[in-house]
PDB file of N, CA and C in Angstrom:
ATOM      1  N   UNK A   1     -29.603  -2.605 -33.988  1.00  0.00           N
ATOM      2  CA  UNK A   1     -29.155  -1.328 -33.458  1.00  0.00           C
ATOM      3  C   UNK A   1     -28.358  -1.576 -32.175  1.00  0.00           C
ATOM      4  N   UNK A   2     -27.320  -0.821 -32.009  1.00  0.00           N
ATOM      5  CA  UNK A   2     -26.474  -0.990 -30.828  1.00  0.00           C
ATOM      6  C   UNK A   2     -27.048  -0.222 -29.645  1.00  0.00           C
ATOM      7  N   UNK A   3     -26.671  -0.668 -28.489  1.00  0.00           N
ATOM      8  CA  UNK A   3     -27.097   0.010 -27.265  1.00  0.00           C
ATOM      9  C   UNK A   3     -26.146   1.175 -26.989  1.00  0.00           C
ATOM     10  N   UNK A   4     -26.671   2.282 -26.527  1.00  0.00           N
ATOM     11  CA  UNK A   4     -25.788   3.408 -26.217  1.00  0.00           C
ATOM     12  C   UNK A   4     -24.920   3.095 -24.996  1.00  0.00           C
ATOM     13  N   UNK A   5     -23.769   3.686 -25.001  1.00  0.00           N
ATOM     14  CA  UNK A   5     -22.856   3.557 -23.873  1.00  0.00           C
ATOM     15  C   UNK A   5     -23.029   4.783 -22.992  1.00  0.00           C
ATOM     16  N   UNK A   6     -23.331   4.546 -21.738  1.00  0.00           N
ATOM     17  CA  UNK A   6     -23.479   5.652 -20.801  1.00  0.00           C
ATOM     18  C   UNK A   6     -22.301   5.642 -19.840  1.00  0.00           C
ATOM     19  N   UNK A   7     -21.673   6.782 -19.728  1.00  0.00           N
ATOM     20  CA  UNK A   7     -20.541   6.924 -18.818  1.00  0.00           C
ATOM     21  C   UNK A   7     -20.799   8.154 -17.956  1.00  0.00           C
ATOM     22  N   UNK A   8     -20.575   7.983 -16.678  1.00  0.00           N
ATOM     23  CA  UNK A   8     -20.783   9.076 -15.740  1.00  0.00           C
ATOM     24  C   UNK A   8     -19.425   9.451 -15.141  1.00  0.00           C
ATOM     25  N   UNK A   9     -18.799  10.454 -15.775  1.00  0.00           N
ATOM     26  CA  UNK A   9     -17.470  10.852 -15.325  1.00  0.00           C
ATOM     27  C   UNK A   9     -17.474  11.297 -13.868  1.00  0.00           C
ATOM     28  N   UNK A  10     -18.550  11.977 -13.459  1.00  0.00           N
ATOM     29  CA  UNK A  10     -18.604  12.458 -12.080  1.00  0.00           C
ATOM     30  C   UNK A  10     -18.603  11.300 -11.082  1.00  0.00           C
ATOM     31  N   UNK A  11     -19.307  10.216 -11.403  1.00  0.00           N
ATOM     32  CA  UNK A  11     -19.312   9.055 -10.511  1.00  0.00           C
ATOM     33  C   UNK A  11     -17.962   8.345 -10.523  1.00  0.00           C
ATOM     34  N   UNK A  12     -17.321   8.333 -11.680  1.00  0.00           N
ATOM     35  CA  UNK A  12     -15.996   7.730 -11.760  1.00  0.00           C
ATOM     36  C   UNK A  12     -14.993   8.538 -10.932  1.00  0.00           C
ATOM     37  N   UNK A  13     -15.138   9.847 -10.953  1.00  0.00           N
ATOM     38  CA  UNK A  13     -14.258  10.698 -10.135  1.00  0.00           C
ATOM     39  C   UNK A  13     -14.531  10.498  -8.636  1.00  0.00           C
ATOM     40  N   UNK A  14     -15.800  10.333  -8.276  1.00  0.00           N
ATOM     41  CA  UNK A  14     -16.130  10.052  -6.873  1.00  0.00           C
ATOM     42  C   UNK A  14     -15.538   8.713  -6.447  1.00  0.00           C
ATOM     43  N   UNK A  15     -15.606   7.743  -7.335  1.00  0.00           N
ATOM     44  CA  UNK A  15     -15.007   6.434  -7.039  1.00  0.00           C
ATOM     45  C   UNK A  15     -13.498   6.572  -6.870  1.00  0.00           C
ATOM     46  N   UNK A  16     -12.875   7.397  -7.701  1.00  0.00           N
ATOM     47  CA  UNK A  16     -11.427   7.623  -7.584  1.00  0.00           C
ATOM     48  C   UNK A  16     -11.090   8.263  -6.242  1.00  0.00           C
ATOM     49  N   UNK A  17     -11.922   9.208  -5.810  1.00  0.00           N
ATOM     50  CA  UNK A  17     -11.699   9.837  -4.505  1.00  0.00           C
ATOM     51  C   UNK A  17     -11.843   8.815  -3.375  1.00  0.00           C
ATOM     52  N   UNK A  18     -12.878   7.980  -3.465  1.00  0.00           N
ATOM     53  CA  UNK A  18     -13.093   6.953  -2.433  1.00  0.00           C
ATOM     54  C   UNK A  18     -11.937   5.953  -2.413  1.00  0.00           C
ATOM     55  N   UNK A  19     -11.463   5.584  -3.584  1.00  0.00           N
ATOM     56  CA  UNK A  19     -10.331   4.660  -3.666  1.00  0.00           C
ATOM     57  C   UNK A  19      -9.079   5.313  -3.086  1.00  0.00           C
ATOM     58  N   UNK A  20      -8.917   6.597  -3.336  1.00  0.00           N
ATOM     59  CA  UNK A  20      -7.799   7.335  -2.755  1.00  0.00           C
ATOM     60  C   UNK A  20      -7.887   7.394  -1.232  1.00  0.00           C
ATOM     61  N   UNK A  21      -9.112   7.472  -0.708  1.00  0.00           N
ATOM     62  CA  UNK A  21      -9.283   7.457   0.746  1.00  0.00           C
ATOM     63  C   UNK A  21      -8.879   6.106   1.331  1.00  0.00           C
ATOM     64  N   UNK A  22      -9.194   5.028   0.627  1.00  0.00           N
ATOM     65  CA  UNK A  22      -8.759   3.702   1.082  1.00  0.00           C
ATOM     66  C   UNK A  22      -7.236   3.657   1.117  1.00  0.00           C
ATOM     67  N   UNK A  23      -6.601   4.149   0.050  1.00  0.00           N
ATOM     68  CA  UNK A  23      -5.134   4.214   0.008  1.00  0.00           C
ATOM     69  C   UNK A  23      -4.591   4.972   1.212  1.00  0.00           C
ATOM     70  N   UNK A  24      -5.201   6.112   1.511  1.00  0.00           N
ATOM     71  CA  UNK A  24      -4.730   6.935   2.628  1.00  0.00           C
ATOM     72  C   UNK A  24      -4.919   6.232   3.974  1.00  0.00           C
ATOM     73  N   UNK A  25      -6.021   5.515   4.119  1.00  0.00           N
ATOM     74  CA  UNK A  25      -6.261   4.792   5.379  1.00  0.00           C
ATOM     75  C   UNK A  25      -5.266   3.650   5.553  1.00  0.00           C
ATOM     76  N   UNK A  26      -5.012   2.932   4.476  1.00  0.00           N
ATOM     77  CA  UNK A  26      -4.014   1.855   4.545  1.00  0.00           C
ATOM     78  C   UNK A  26      -2.657   2.450   4.907  1.00  0.00           C
ATOM     79  N   UNK A  27      -2.319   3.569   4.305  1.00  0.00           N
ATOM     80  CA  UNK A  27      -1.049   4.233   4.607  1.00  0.00           C
ATOM     81  C   UNK A  27      -0.989   4.653   6.071  1.00  0.00           C
ATOM     82  N   UNK A  28      -2.093   5.172   6.590  1.00  0.00           N
ATOM     83  CA  UNK A  28      -2.148   5.581   7.989  1.00  0.00           C
ATOM     84  C   UNK A  28      -1.974   4.386   8.929  1.00  0.00           C
ATOM     85  N   UNK A  29      -2.641   3.284   8.607  1.00  0.00           N
ATOM     86  CA  UNK A  29      -2.494   2.067   9.415  1.00  0.00           C
ATOM     87  C   UNK A  29      -1.045   1.599   9.401  1.00  0.00           C
ATOM     88  N   UNK A  30      -0.448   1.592   8.222  1.00  0.00           N
ATOM     89  CA  UNK A  30       0.937   1.141   8.091  1.00  0.00           C
ATOM     90  C   UNK A  30       1.885   2.035   8.888  1.00  0.00           C
ATOM     91  N   UNK A  31       1.721   3.331   8.765  1.00  0.00           N
ATOM     92  CA  UNK A  31       2.581   4.275   9.475  1.00  0.00           C
ATOM     93  C   UNK A  31       2.427   4.131  10.991  1.00  0.00           C
ATOM     94  N   UNK A  32       1.178   4.040  11.450  1.00  0.00           N
ATOM     95  CA  UNK A  32       0.918   3.897  12.884  1.00  0.00           C
ATOM     96  C   UNK A  32       1.481   2.591  13.418  1.00  0.00           C
ATOM     97  N   UNK A  33       1.253   1.519  12.685  1.00  0.00           N
ATOM     98  CA  UNK A  33       1.733   0.210  13.117  1.00  0.00           C
ATOM     99  C   UNK A  33       3.257   0.162  13.169  1.00  0.00           C
ATOM    100  N   UNK A  34       3.899   0.694  12.137  1.00  0.00           N
ATOM    101  CA  UNK A  34       5.368   0.715  12.133  1.00  0.00           C
ATOM    102  C   UNK A  34       5.901   1.506  13.320  1.00  0.00           C
ATOM    103  N   UNK A  35       5.322   2.676  13.543  1.00  0.00           N
ATOM    104  CA  UNK A  35       5.770   3.508  14.651  1.00  0.00           C
ATOM    105  C   UNK A  35       5.582   2.825  15.994  1.00  0.00           C
ATOM    106  N   UNK A  36       4.441   2.196  16.163  1.00  0.00           N
ATOM    107  CA  UNK A  36       4.153   1.513  17.423  1.00  0.00           C
ATOM    108  C   UNK A  36       5.089   0.337  17.660  1.00  0.00           C
ATOM    109  N   UNK A  37       5.251  -0.493  16.641  1.00  0.00           N
ATOM    110  CA  UNK A  37       6.103  -1.673  16.801  1.00  0.00           C
ATOM    111  C   UNK A  37       7.578  -1.308  16.920  1.00  0.00           C
ATOM    112  N   UNK A  38       8.022  -0.352  16.130  1.00  0.00           N
ATOM    113  CA  UNK A  38       9.428   0.059  16.209  1.00  0.00           C
ATOM    114  C   UNK A  38       9.745   0.724  17.546  1.00  0.00           C
ATOM    115  N   UNK A  39       8.753   1.403  18.124  1.00  0.00           N
ATOM    116  CA  UNK A  39       8.948   2.063  19.406  1.00  0.00           C
ATOM    117  C   UNK A  39       9.115   1.089  20.566  1.00  0.00           C
ATOM    118  N   UNK A  40       8.723  -0.141  20.364  1.00  0.00           N
ATOM    119  CA  UNK A  40       8.823  -1.146  21.424  1.00  0.00           C
ATOM    120  C   UNK A  40      10.173  -1.865  21.426  1.00  0.00           C
ATOM    121  N   UNK A  41      10.946  -1.643  20.401  1.00  0.00           N
ATOM    122  CA  UNK A  41      12.249  -2.301  20.338  1.00  0.00           C
ATOM    123  C   UNK A  41      12.111  -3.802  20.144  1.00  0.00           C
ATOM    124  N   UNK A  42      12.910  -4.559  20.871  1.00  0.00           N
ATOM    125  CA  UNK A  42      12.907  -6.027  20.769  1.00  0.00           C
ATOM    126  C   UNK A  42      12.531  -6.621  22.130  1.00  0.00           C
ATOM    127  N   UNK A  43      11.246  -6.587  22.505  1.00  0.00           N
ATOM    128  CA  UNK A  43      10.847  -7.033  23.838  1.00  0.00           C
ATOM    129  C   UNK A  43      11.038  -8.531  24.085  1.00  0.00           C
ATOM    130  N   UNK A  44      11.340  -9.292  23.049  1.00  0.00           N
ATOM    131  CA  UNK A  44      11.543 -10.734  23.212  1.00  0.00           C
ATOM    132  C   UNK A  44      12.926 -11.062  23.766  1.00  0.00           C
ATOM    133  N   UNK A  45      13.785 -10.062  23.812  1.00  0.00           N
ATOM    134  CA  UNK A  45      15.114 -10.249  24.385  1.00  0.00           C
ATOM    135  C   UNK A  45      16.092 -10.886  23.414  1.00  0.00           C
ATOM    136  N   UNK A  46      17.313 -11.081  23.893  1.00  0.00           N
ATOM    137  CA  UNK A  46      18.355 -11.628  23.023  1.00  0.00           C
ATOM    138  C   UNK A  46      18.874 -12.981  23.516  1.00  0.00           C
ATOM    139  N   UNK A  47      18.086 -13.635  24.360  1.00  0.00           N
ATOM    140  CA  UNK A  47      18.475 -14.975  24.805  1.00  0.00           C
ATOM    141  C   UNK A  47      18.076 -16.006  23.741  1.00  0.00           C
ATOM    142  N   UNK A  48      18.276 -17.269  24.024  1.00  0.00           N
ATOM    143  CA  UNK A  48      18.011 -18.329  23.044  1.00  0.00           C
ATOM    144  C   UNK A  48      16.540 -18.355  22.619  1.00  0.00           C
ATOM    145  N   UNK A  49      15.631 -18.249  23.566  1.00  0.00           N
ATOM    146  CA  UNK A  49      14.196 -18.278  23.246  1.00  0.00           C
ATOM    147  C   UNK A  49      13.817 -17.050  22.425  1.00  0.00           C
ATOM    148  N   UNK A  50      14.322 -15.892  22.810  1.00  0.00           N
ATOM    149  CA  UNK A  50      14.044 -14.667  22.060  1.00  0.00           C
ATOM    150  C   UNK A  50      14.570 -14.739  20.638  1.00  0.00           C
ATOM    151  N   UNK A  51      15.755 -15.289  20.477  1.00  0.00           N
ATOM    152  CA  UNK A  51      16.346 -15.444  19.145  1.00  0.00           C
ATOM    153  C   UNK A  51      15.539 -16.422  18.298  1.00  0.00           C
ATOM    154  N   UNK A  52      15.108 -17.525  18.891  1.00  0.00           N
ATOM    155  CA  UNK A  52      14.287 -18.495  18.151  1.00  0.00           C
ATOM    156  C   UNK A  52      12.974 -17.857  17.703  1.00  0.00           C
ATOM    157  N   UNK A  53      12.408 -17.023  18.554  1.00  0.00           N
ATOM    158  CA  UNK A  53      11.148 -16.356  18.233  1.00  0.00           C
ATOM    159  C   UNK A  53      11.314 -15.343  17.102  1.00  0.00           C
ATOM    160  N   UNK A  54      12.390 -14.592  17.164  1.00  0.00           N
ATOM    161  CA  UNK A  54      12.511 -13.438  16.267  1.00  0.00           C
ATOM    162  C   UNK A  54      13.279 -13.683  14.976  1.00  0.00           C
ATOM    163  N   UNK A  55      14.209 -14.612  14.960  1.00  0.00           N
ATOM    164  CA  UNK A  55      15.105 -14.783  13.814  1.00  0.00           C
ATOM    165  C   UNK A  55      14.616 -15.867  12.850  1.00  0.00           C
ATOM    166  N   UNK A  56      15.255 -15.905  11.688  1.00  0.00           N
ATOM    167  CA  UNK A  56      14.998 -16.946  10.701  1.00  0.00           C
ATOM    168  C   UNK A  56      13.845 -16.629   9.766  1.00  0.00           C
ATOM    169  N   UNK A  57      13.677 -17.482   8.769  1.00  0.00           N
ATOM    170  CA  UNK A  57      12.641 -17.288   7.749  1.00  0.00           C
ATOM    171  C   UNK A  57      11.228 -17.284   8.327  1.00  0.00           C
ATOM    172  N   UNK A  58      11.012 -18.031   9.393  1.00  0.00           N
ATOM    173  CA  UNK A  58       9.691 -18.137  10.006  1.00  0.00           C
ATOM    174  C   UNK A  58       9.566 -17.297  11.277  1.00  0.00           C
ATOM    175  N   UNK A  59      10.579 -16.499  11.569  1.00  0.00           N
ATOM    176  CA  UNK A  59      10.587 -15.710  12.794  1.00  0.00           C
ATOM    177  C   UNK A  59       9.730 -14.458  12.705  1.00  0.00           C
ATOM    178  N   UNK A  60       9.577 -13.833  13.855  1.00  0.00           N
ATOM    179  CA  UNK A  60       8.748 -12.641  13.969  1.00  0.00           C
ATOM    180  C   UNK A  60       9.218 -11.522  13.044  1.00  0.00           C
ATOM    181  N   UNK A  61      10.515 -11.271  13.007  1.00  0.00           N
ATOM    182  CA  UNK A  61      11.038 -10.157  12.208  1.00  0.00           C
ATOM    183  C   UNK A  61      10.722 -10.353  10.730  1.00  0.00           C
ATOM    184  N   UNK A  62      10.923 -11.548  10.211  1.00  0.00           N
ATOM    185  CA  UNK A  62      10.612 -11.823   8.802  1.00  0.00           C
ATOM    186  C   UNK A  62       9.117 -11.676   8.549  1.00  0.00           C
ATOM    187  N   UNK A  63       8.296 -12.193   9.468  1.00  0.00           N
ATOM    188  CA  UNK A  63       6.839 -12.089   9.308  1.00  0.00           C
ATOM    189  C   UNK A  63       6.391 -10.631   9.354  1.00  0.00           C
ATOM    190  N   UNK A  64       6.959  -9.869  10.282  1.00  0.00           N
ATOM    191  CA  UNK A  64       6.628  -8.446  10.389  1.00  0.00           C
ATOM    192  C   UNK A  64       6.995  -7.707   9.113  1.00  0.00           C
ATOM    193  N   UNK A  65       8.202  -7.939   8.620  1.00  0.00           N
ATOM    194  CA  UNK A  65       8.655  -7.262   7.406  1.00  0.00           C
ATOM    195  C   UNK A  65       7.804  -7.649   6.199  1.00  0.00           C
ATOM    196  N   UNK A  66       7.431  -8.913   6.102  1.00  0.00           N
ATOM    197  CA  UNK A  66       6.547  -9.358   5.015  1.00  0.00           C
ATOM    198  C   UNK A  66       5.190  -8.668   5.107  1.00  0.00           C
ATOM    199  N   UNK A  67       4.679  -8.540   6.323  1.00  0.00           N
ATOM    200  CA  UNK A  67       3.390  -7.878   6.519  1.00  0.00           C
ATOM    201  C   UNK A  67       3.466  -6.405   6.132  1.00  0.00           C
ATOM    202  N   UNK A  68       4.533  -5.733   6.553  1.00  0.00           N
ATOM    203  CA  UNK A  68       4.719  -4.334   6.168  1.00  0.00           C
ATOM    204  C   UNK A  68       4.789  -4.198   4.648  1.00  0.00           C
ATOM    205  N   UNK A  69       5.502  -5.098   4.007  1.00  0.00           N
ATOM    206  CA  UNK A  69       5.605  -5.064   2.547  1.00  0.00           C
ATOM    207  C   UNK A  69       4.237  -5.288   1.903  1.00  0.00           C
ATOM    208  N   UNK A  70       3.467  -6.215   2.445  1.00  0.00           N
ATOM    209  CA  UNK A  70       2.132  -6.488   1.908  1.00  0.00           C
ATOM    210  C   UNK A  70       1.224  -5.270   2.031  1.00  0.00           C
ATOM    211  N   UNK A  71       1.243  -4.624   3.187  1.00  0.00           N
ATOM    212  CA  UNK A  71       0.439  -3.413   3.352  1.00  0.00           C
ATOM    213  C   UNK A  71       0.899  -2.318   2.398  1.00  0.00           C
ATOM    214  N   UNK A  72       2.194  -2.197   2.205  1.00  0.00           N
ATOM    215  CA  UNK A  72       2.711  -1.227   1.239  1.00  0.00           C
ATOM    216  C   UNK A  72       2.241  -1.536  -0.172  1.00  0.00           C
ATOM    217  N   UNK A  73       2.205  -2.812  -0.517  1.00  0.00           N
ATOM    218  CA  UNK A  73       1.710  -3.217  -1.838  1.00  0.00           C
ATOM    219  C   UNK A  73       0.223  -2.919  -1.991  1.00  0.00           C
ATOM    220  N   UNK A  74      -0.541  -3.126  -0.928  1.00  0.00           N
ATOM    221  CA  UNK A  74      -1.972  -2.801  -0.969  1.00  0.00           C
ATOM    222  C   UNK A  74      -2.148  -1.306  -1.192  1.00  0.00           C
ATOM    223  N   UNK A  75      -1.378  -0.505  -0.473  1.00  0.00           N
ATOM    224  CA  UNK A  75      -1.430   0.948  -0.641  1.00  0.00           C
ATOM    225  C   UNK A  75      -1.108   1.334  -2.086  1.00  0.00           C
ATOM    226  N   UNK A  76      -0.054   0.747  -2.640  1.00  0.00           N
ATOM    227  CA  UNK A  76       0.346   1.045  -4.015  1.00  0.00           C
ATOM    228  C   UNK A  76      -0.740   0.633  -5.003  1.00  0.00           C
ATOM    229  N   UNK A  77      -1.374  -0.498  -4.757  1.00  0.00           N
ATOM    230  CA  UNK A  77      -2.445  -0.968  -5.635  1.00  0.00           C
ATOM    231  C   UNK A  77      -3.618   0.005  -5.636  1.00  0.00           C
ATOM    232  N   UNK A  78      -4.057   0.434  -4.453  1.00  0.00           N
ATOM    233  CA  UNK A  78      -5.171   1.380  -4.387  1.00  0.00           C
ATOM    234  C   UNK A  78      -4.792   2.733  -4.978  1.00  0.00           C
ATOM    235  N   UNK A  79      -3.541   3.135  -4.842  1.00  0.00           N
ATOM    236  CA  UNK A  79      -3.084   4.376  -5.478  1.00  0.00           C
ATOM    237  C   UNK A  79      -3.198   4.253  -6.991  1.00  0.00           C
ATOM    238  N   UNK A  80      -2.795   3.103  -7.522  1.00  0.00           N
ATOM    239  CA  UNK A  80      -2.901   2.868  -8.962  1.00  0.00           C
ATOM    240  C   UNK A  80      -4.343   2.850  -9.440  1.00  0.00           C
ATOM    241  N   UNK A  81      -5.220   2.218  -8.655  1.00  0.00           N
ATOM    242  CA  UNK A  81      -6.644   2.204  -9.008  1.00  0.00           C
ATOM    243  C   UNK A  81      -7.193   3.625  -9.061  1.00  0.00           C
ATOM    244  N   UNK A  82      -6.882   4.417  -8.045  1.00  0.00           N
ATOM    245  CA  UNK A  82      -7.381   5.784  -7.975  1.00  0.00           C
ATOM    246  C   UNK A  82      -6.882   6.615  -9.153  1.00  0.00           C
ATOM    247  N   UNK A  83      -5.607   6.507  -9.445  1.00  0.00           N
ATOM    248  CA  UNK A  83      -5.035   7.230 -10.584  1.00  0.00           C
ATOM    249  C   UNK A  83      -5.671   6.776 -11.889  1.00  0.00           C
ATOM    250  N   UNK A  84      -5.844   5.482 -12.045  1.00  0.00           N
ATOM    251  CA  UNK A  84      -6.459   4.941 -13.260  1.00  0.00           C
ATOM    252  C   UNK A  84      -7.890   5.413 -13.437  1.00  0.00           C
ATOM    253  N   UNK A  85      -8.648   5.449 -12.342  1.00  0.00           N
ATOM    254  CA  UNK A  85     -10.030   5.920 -12.419  1.00  0.00           C
ATOM    255  C   UNK A  85     -10.080   7.393 -12.820  1.00  0.00           C
ATOM    256  N   UNK A  86      -9.181   8.188 -12.264  1.00  0.00           N
ATOM    257  CA  UNK A  86      -9.142   9.608 -12.609  1.00  0.00           C
ATOM    258  C   UNK A  86      -8.758   9.803 -14.072  1.00  0.00           C
ATOM    259  N   UNK A  87      -7.741   9.080 -14.522  1.00  0.00           N
ATOM    260  CA  UNK A  87      -7.325   9.190 -15.928  1.00  0.00           C
ATOM    261  C   UNK A  87      -8.436   8.728 -16.864  1.00  0.00           C
ATOM    262  N   UNK A  88      -9.133   7.670 -16.497  1.00  0.00           N
ATOM    263  CA  UNK A  88     -10.237   7.181 -17.331  1.00  0.00           C
ATOM    264  C   UNK A  88     -11.334   8.231 -17.426  1.00  0.00           C
ATOM    265  N   UNK A  89     -11.670   8.856 -16.306  1.00  0.00           N
ATOM    266  CA  UNK A  89     -12.688   9.905 -16.319  1.00  0.00           C
ATOM    267  C   UNK A  89     -12.246  11.074 -17.189  1.00  0.00           C
ATOM    268  N   UNK A  90     -10.974  11.461 -17.094  1.00  0.00           N
ATOM    269  CA  UNK A  90     -10.450  12.553 -17.920  1.00  0.00           C
ATOM    270  C   UNK A  90     -10.551  12.211 -19.405  1.00  0.00           C
ATOM    271  N   UNK A  91     -10.151  10.999 -19.761  1.00  0.00           N
ATOM    272  CA  UNK A  91     -10.180  10.594 -21.173  1.00  0.00           C
ATOM    273  C   UNK A  91     -11.607  10.473 -21.693  1.00  0.00           C
ATOM    274  N   UNK A  92     -12.493   9.918 -20.884  1.00  0.00           N
ATOM    275  CA  UNK A  92     -13.886   9.796 -21.312  1.00  0.00           C
ATOM    276  C   UNK A  92     -14.527  11.167 -21.485  1.00  0.00           C
ATOM    277  N   UNK A  93     -14.221  12.072 -20.586  1.00  0.00           N
ATOM    278  CA  UNK A  93     -14.752  13.424 -20.698  1.00  0.00           C
ATOM    279  C   UNK A  93     -14.216  14.110 -21.953  1.00  0.00           C
ATOM    280  N   UNK A  94     -12.919  13.982 -22.209  1.00  0.00           N
ATOM    281  CA  UNK A  94     -12.324  14.587 -23.405  1.00  0.00           C
ATOM    282  C   UNK A  94     -12.916  13.986 -24.673  1.00  0.00           C
ATOM    283  N   UNK A  95     -13.112  12.681 -24.669  1.00  0.00           N
ATOM    284  CA  UNK A  95     -13.702  12.015 -25.830  1.00  0.00           C
ATOM    285  C   UNK A  95     -15.140  12.473 -26.048  1.00  0.00           C
ATOM    286  N   UNK A  96     -15.881  12.612 -24.972  1.00  0.00           N
ATOM    287  CA  UNK A  96     -17.266  13.079 -25.069  1.00  0.00           C
ATOM    288  C   UNK A  96     -17.316  14.489 -25.641  1.00  0.00           C
ATOM    289  N   UNK A  97     -16.445  15.359 -25.165  1.00  0.00           N
ATOM    290  CA  UNK A  97     -16.426  16.735 -25.665  1.00  0.00           C
ATOM    291  C   UNK A  97     -16.027  16.778 -27.137  1.00  0.00           C
ATOM    292  N   UNK A  98     -15.043  15.991 -27.519  1.00  0.00           N
ATOM    293  CA  UNK A  98     -14.604  15.960 -28.916  1.00  0.00           C
ATOM    294  C   UNK A  98     -15.698  15.402 -29.817  1.00  0.00           C
ATOM    295  N   UNK A  99     -16.362  14.371 -29.376  1.00  0.00           N
ATOM    296  CA  UNK A  99     -17.434  13.757 -30.170  1.00  0.00           C
ATOM    297  C   UNK A  99     -18.626  14.691 -30.268  1.00  0.00           C
ATOM    298  N   UNK A 100     -18.961  15.332 -29.175  1.00  0.00           N
ATOM    299  CA  UNK A 100     -20.096  16.247 -29.158  1.00  0.00           C
ATOM    300  C   UNK A 100     -19.886  17.369 -30.165  1.00  0.00           C
ATOM    301  N   UNK A 101     -18.656  17.878 -30.240  1.00  0.00           N
ATOM    302  CA  UNK A 101     -18.362  18.973 -31.159  1.00  0.00           C
ATOM    303  C   UNK A 101     -18.491  18.549 -32.617  1.00  0.00           C
ATOM    304  N   UNK A 102     -18.275  17.289 -32.934  1.00  0.00           N
ATOM    305  CA  UNK A 102     -18.383  16.843 -34.327  1.00  0.00           C
ATOM    306  C   UNK A 102     -19.825  16.758 -34.793  1.00  0.00           C
ATOM    307  N   UNK A 103     -20.774  16.702 -33.875  1.00  0.00           N
ATOM    308  CA  UNK A 103     -22.186  16.595 -34.251  1.00  0.00           C
ATOM    309  C   UNK A 103     -22.890  17.941 -34.271  1.00  0.00           C
ATOM    310  N   UNK A 104     -22.161  18.993 -34.070  1.00  0.00           N
ATOM    311  CA  UNK A 104     -22.792  20.330 -34.093  1.00  0.00           C
ATOM    312  C   UNK A 104     -22.718  20.922 -35.456  1.00  0.00           C
TER     313      UNK A 104
END
């Protein structure tokens, strides 16, 4: 005999909400960080030392942009997780209702 499958759509929806909150927090961190750093301009200056610090593949600007992109990717990933959890809960609920009706 097979084991029954138990699915709790309400818990899956709560998980989707929590995952969405993580997405929102990451987005808030990214927005705040961008605003703060962009508001400071280029404090390293435009002399030789400042240029060495900020320019090139290993420079500050490239590292900053890579970090911003990474945070954006994390936000997108959590958004996808949240959407997927919600869609899964919707489909499981619909399947449960359809199956329940066939046994009446």
